[in-house]
Amino acid sequence: MHRTSLETVGIRYTGWAALNRDPLEDTVEYTCPHCGTKGAKAARRPRAVYHFTDGFVQDLQGEMSACRKCRKSLRVAPVVLVHDREEQRRFNAVFLAELEVSKN
């Protein structure tokens, strides 16, 4: 049985962008492309594997996860490392259309 998984963009907040959470918590946030539910998972890859690509520090290999609501597997790639508020605004301007899932 061949299973395919859709890709979604992951966000890993650090530094000034992560002031609203526990400093020991290091998560990758994403939106499920199947049902539109926001999810999070523990970041598994070290920050040393992230590279500057297309204006952001990213991990293009990504990680695998499963949606907790619809139970479907998904691939979180790329994972973008967002460090401060200015980068967060730039990220939203570039990737916001991909993060919102249409209900049609």
C-alpha atoms as a PDB file:
ATOM      1  CA  MET A   1       0.000   0.000   0.000  1.00  0.00           C
ATOM      2  CA  HIS A   2       1.522   3.301  -1.080  1.00  0.00           C
ATOM      3  CA  ARG A   3       0.744   6.271   1.150  1.00  0.00           C
ATOM      4  CA  THR A   4       1.300   9.812   0.015  1.00  0.00           C
ATOM      5  CA  SER A   5       1.573  12.741   2.357  1.00  0.00           C
ATOM      6  CA  LEU A   6       0.946  16.369   1.520  1.00  0.00           C
ATOM      7  CA  GLU A   7       3.539  19.013   2.310  1.00  0.00           C
ATOM      8  CA  THR A   8       3.038  22.011   4.552  1.00  0.00           C
ATOM      9  CA  VAL A   9       5.267  24.849   5.745  1.00  0.00           C
ATOM     10  CA  GLY A  10       6.616  24.607   9.295  1.00  0.00           C
ATOM     11  CA  ILE A  11       7.682  27.514  11.502  1.00  0.00           C
ATOM     12  CA  ARG A  12      10.273  27.259  14.264  1.00  0.00           C
ATOM     13  CA  TYR A  13      10.368  30.399  16.418  1.00  0.00           C
ATOM     14  CA  THR A  14      13.556  31.409  18.228  1.00  0.00           C
ATOM     15  CA  GLY A  15      14.912  34.511  19.947  1.00  0.00           C
ATOM     16  CA  TRP A  16      12.636  37.555  19.999  1.00  0.00           C
ATOM     17  CA  ALA A  17       9.898  35.795  18.029  1.00  0.00           C
ATOM     18  CA  ALA A  18       9.545  33.186  20.806  1.00  0.00           C
ATOM     19  CA  LEU A  19       9.104  35.506  23.777  1.00  0.00           C
ATOM     20  CA  ASN A  20       5.552  34.269  24.459  1.00  0.00           C
ATOM     21  CA  ARG A  21       6.540  30.673  25.253  1.00  0.00           C
ATOM     22  CA  ASP A  22       8.683  28.642  27.615  1.00  0.00           C
ATOM     23  CA  PRO A  23      12.375  28.886  26.574  1.00  0.00           C
ATOM     24  CA  LEU A  24      12.853  25.122  26.979  1.00  0.00           C
ATOM     25  CA  GLU A  25       9.990  24.389  24.578  1.00  0.00           C
ATOM     26  CA  ASP A  26      11.303  24.115  21.005  1.00  0.00           C
ATOM     27  CA  THR A  27       8.467  23.317  18.609  1.00  0.00           C
ATOM     28  CA  VAL A  28       7.699  23.381  14.904  1.00  0.00           C
ATOM     29  CA  GLU A  29       4.260  24.847  14.172  1.00  0.00           C
ATOM     30  CA  TYR A  30       2.295  23.963  11.035  1.00  0.00           C
ATOM     31  CA  THR A  31      -1.212  23.896   9.529  1.00  0.00           C
ATOM     32  CA  CYS A  32      -2.607  20.577   8.303  1.00  0.00           C
ATOM     33  CA  PRO A  33      -3.186  20.704   4.514  1.00  0.00           C
ATOM     34  CA  HIS A  34      -5.982  18.108   4.823  1.00  0.00           C
ATOM     35  CA  CYS A  35      -8.278  19.684   7.428  1.00  0.00           C
ATOM     36  CA  GLY A  36      -6.749  23.108   8.228  1.00  0.00           C
ATOM     37  CA  THR A  37      -6.052  22.386  11.904  1.00  0.00           C
ATOM     38  CA  LYS A  38      -3.058  24.131  13.445  1.00  0.00           C
ATOM     39  CA  GLY A  39      -0.572  21.749  14.979  1.00  0.00           C
ATOM     40  CA  ALA A  40       2.821  21.620  16.634  1.00  0.00           C
ATOM     41  CA  LYS A  41       5.488  19.006  17.174  1.00  0.00           C
ATOM     42  CA  ALA A  42       8.801  18.893  18.971  1.00  0.00           C
ATOM     43  CA  ALA A  43      11.668  20.049  16.759  1.00  0.00           C
ATOM     44  CA  ARG A  44      13.934  17.079  16.101  1.00  0.00           C
ATOM     45  CA  ARG A  45      16.670  18.474  13.850  1.00  0.00           C
ATOM     46  CA  PRO A  46      19.484  20.664  15.179  1.00  0.00           C
ATOM     47  CA  ARG A  47      19.667  24.287  14.055  1.00  0.00           C
ATOM     48  CA  ALA A  48      23.046  23.562  12.437  1.00  0.00           C
ATOM     49  CA  VAL A  49      21.302  21.821   9.496  1.00  0.00           C
ATOM     50  CA  TYR A  50      19.349  24.978   8.626  1.00  0.00           C
ATOM     51  CA  HIS A  51      20.689  26.979   5.674  1.00  0.00           C
ATOM     52  CA  PHE A  52      19.990  30.446   4.290  1.00  0.00           C
ATOM     53  CA  THR A  53      17.695  29.852   1.304  1.00  0.00           C
ATOM     54  CA  ASP A  54      15.283  32.219  -0.468  1.00  0.00           C
ATOM     55  CA  GLY A  55      15.686  34.964   2.127  1.00  0.00           C
ATOM     56  CA  PHE A  56      15.069  32.786   5.200  1.00  0.00           C
ATOM     57  CA  VAL A  57      17.042  30.290   7.273  1.00  0.00           C
ATOM     58  CA  GLN A  58      15.358  26.985   6.392  1.00  0.00           C
ATOM     59  CA  ASP A  59      15.595  23.241   6.727  1.00  0.00           C
ATOM     60  CA  LEU A  60      14.526  22.001   3.298  1.00  0.00           C
ATOM     61  CA  GLN A  61      14.558  18.299   4.247  1.00  0.00           C
ATOM     62  CA  GLY A  62      11.813  18.872   6.790  1.00  0.00           C
ATOM     63  CA  GLU A  63      10.181  16.425   9.170  1.00  0.00           C
ATOM     64  CA  MET A  64       7.265  13.997   9.136  1.00  0.00           C
ATOM     65  CA  SER A  65       4.243  14.349  11.374  1.00  0.00           C
ATOM     66  CA  ALA A  66       0.601  13.310  11.653  1.00  0.00           C
ATOM     67  CA  CYS A  67      -2.394  15.553  12.188  1.00  0.00           C
ATOM     68  CA  ARG A  68      -3.972  14.989  15.593  1.00  0.00           C
ATOM     69  CA  LYS A  69      -7.466  15.754  14.290  1.00  0.00           C
ATOM     70  CA  CYS A  70      -7.763  13.897  10.960  1.00  0.00           C
ATOM     71  CA  ARG A  71      -4.943  11.367  11.678  1.00  0.00           C
ATOM     72  CA  LYS A  72      -3.393  11.766   8.215  1.00  0.00           C
ATOM     73  CA  SER A  73       0.366  11.875   7.719  1.00  0.00           C
ATOM     74  CA  LEU A  74       1.996  15.024   6.422  1.00  0.00           C
ATOM     75  CA  ARG A  75       5.444  16.253   5.554  1.00  0.00           C
ATOM     76  CA  VAL A  76       6.495  19.509   7.204  1.00  0.00           C
ATOM     77  CA  ALA A  77       8.898  21.026   4.649  1.00  0.00           C
ATOM     78  CA  PRO A  78      10.409  23.533   4.554  1.00  0.00           C
ATOM     79  CA  VAL A  79      10.825  24.370   8.232  1.00  0.00           C
ATOM     80  CA  VAL A  80      11.578  28.098   8.457  1.00  0.00           C
ATOM     81  CA  LEU A  81      13.554  29.469  11.413  1.00  0.00           C
ATOM     82  CA  VAL A  82      12.032  32.813  12.456  1.00  0.00           C
ATOM     83  CA  HIS A  83      14.176  34.801  14.901  1.00  0.00           C
ATOM     84  CA  ASP A  84      12.609  38.252  15.451  1.00  0.00           C
ATOM     85  CA  ARG A  85       9.412  40.251  14.860  1.00  0.00           C
ATOM     86  CA  GLU A  86      10.629  41.766  11.561  1.00  0.00           C
ATOM     87  CA  GLU A  87      11.381  38.292  10.191  1.00  0.00           C
ATOM     88  CA  GLN A  88       7.956  37.176  11.405  1.00  0.00           C
ATOM     89  CA  ARG A  89       6.260  39.944   9.382  1.00  0.00           C
ATOM     90  CA  ARG A  90       8.327  39.051   6.297  1.00  0.00           C
ATOM     91  CA  PHE A  91       7.486  35.373   6.728  1.00  0.00           C
ATOM     92  CA  ASN A  92       3.747  36.124   6.956  1.00  0.00           C
ATOM     93  CA  ALA A  93       3.919  38.261   3.814  1.00  0.00           C
ATOM     94  CA  VAL A  94       5.638  35.494   1.825  1.00  0.00           C
ATOM     95  CA  PHE A  95       4.036  32.301   3.156  1.00  0.00           C
ATOM     96  CA  LEU A  96       0.591  33.326   4.479  1.00  0.00           C
ATOM     97  CA  ALA A  97      -1.236  32.269   1.302  1.00  0.00           C
ATOM     98  CA  GLU A  98       0.286  28.771   1.586  1.00  0.00           C
ATOM     99  CA  LEU A  99      -0.535  28.444   5.285  1.00  0.00           C
ATOM    100  CA  GLU A 100      -4.267  29.133   4.931  1.00  0.00           C
ATOM    101  CA  VAL A 101      -6.228  26.115   3.726  1.00  0.00           C
ATOM    102  CA  SER A 102      -9.318  26.797   1.631  1.00  0.00           C
ATOM    103  CA  LYS A 103     -12.603  25.395   2.987  1.00  0.00           C
ATOM    104  CA  ASN A 104     -14.067  25.029  -0.537  1.00  0.00           C
END
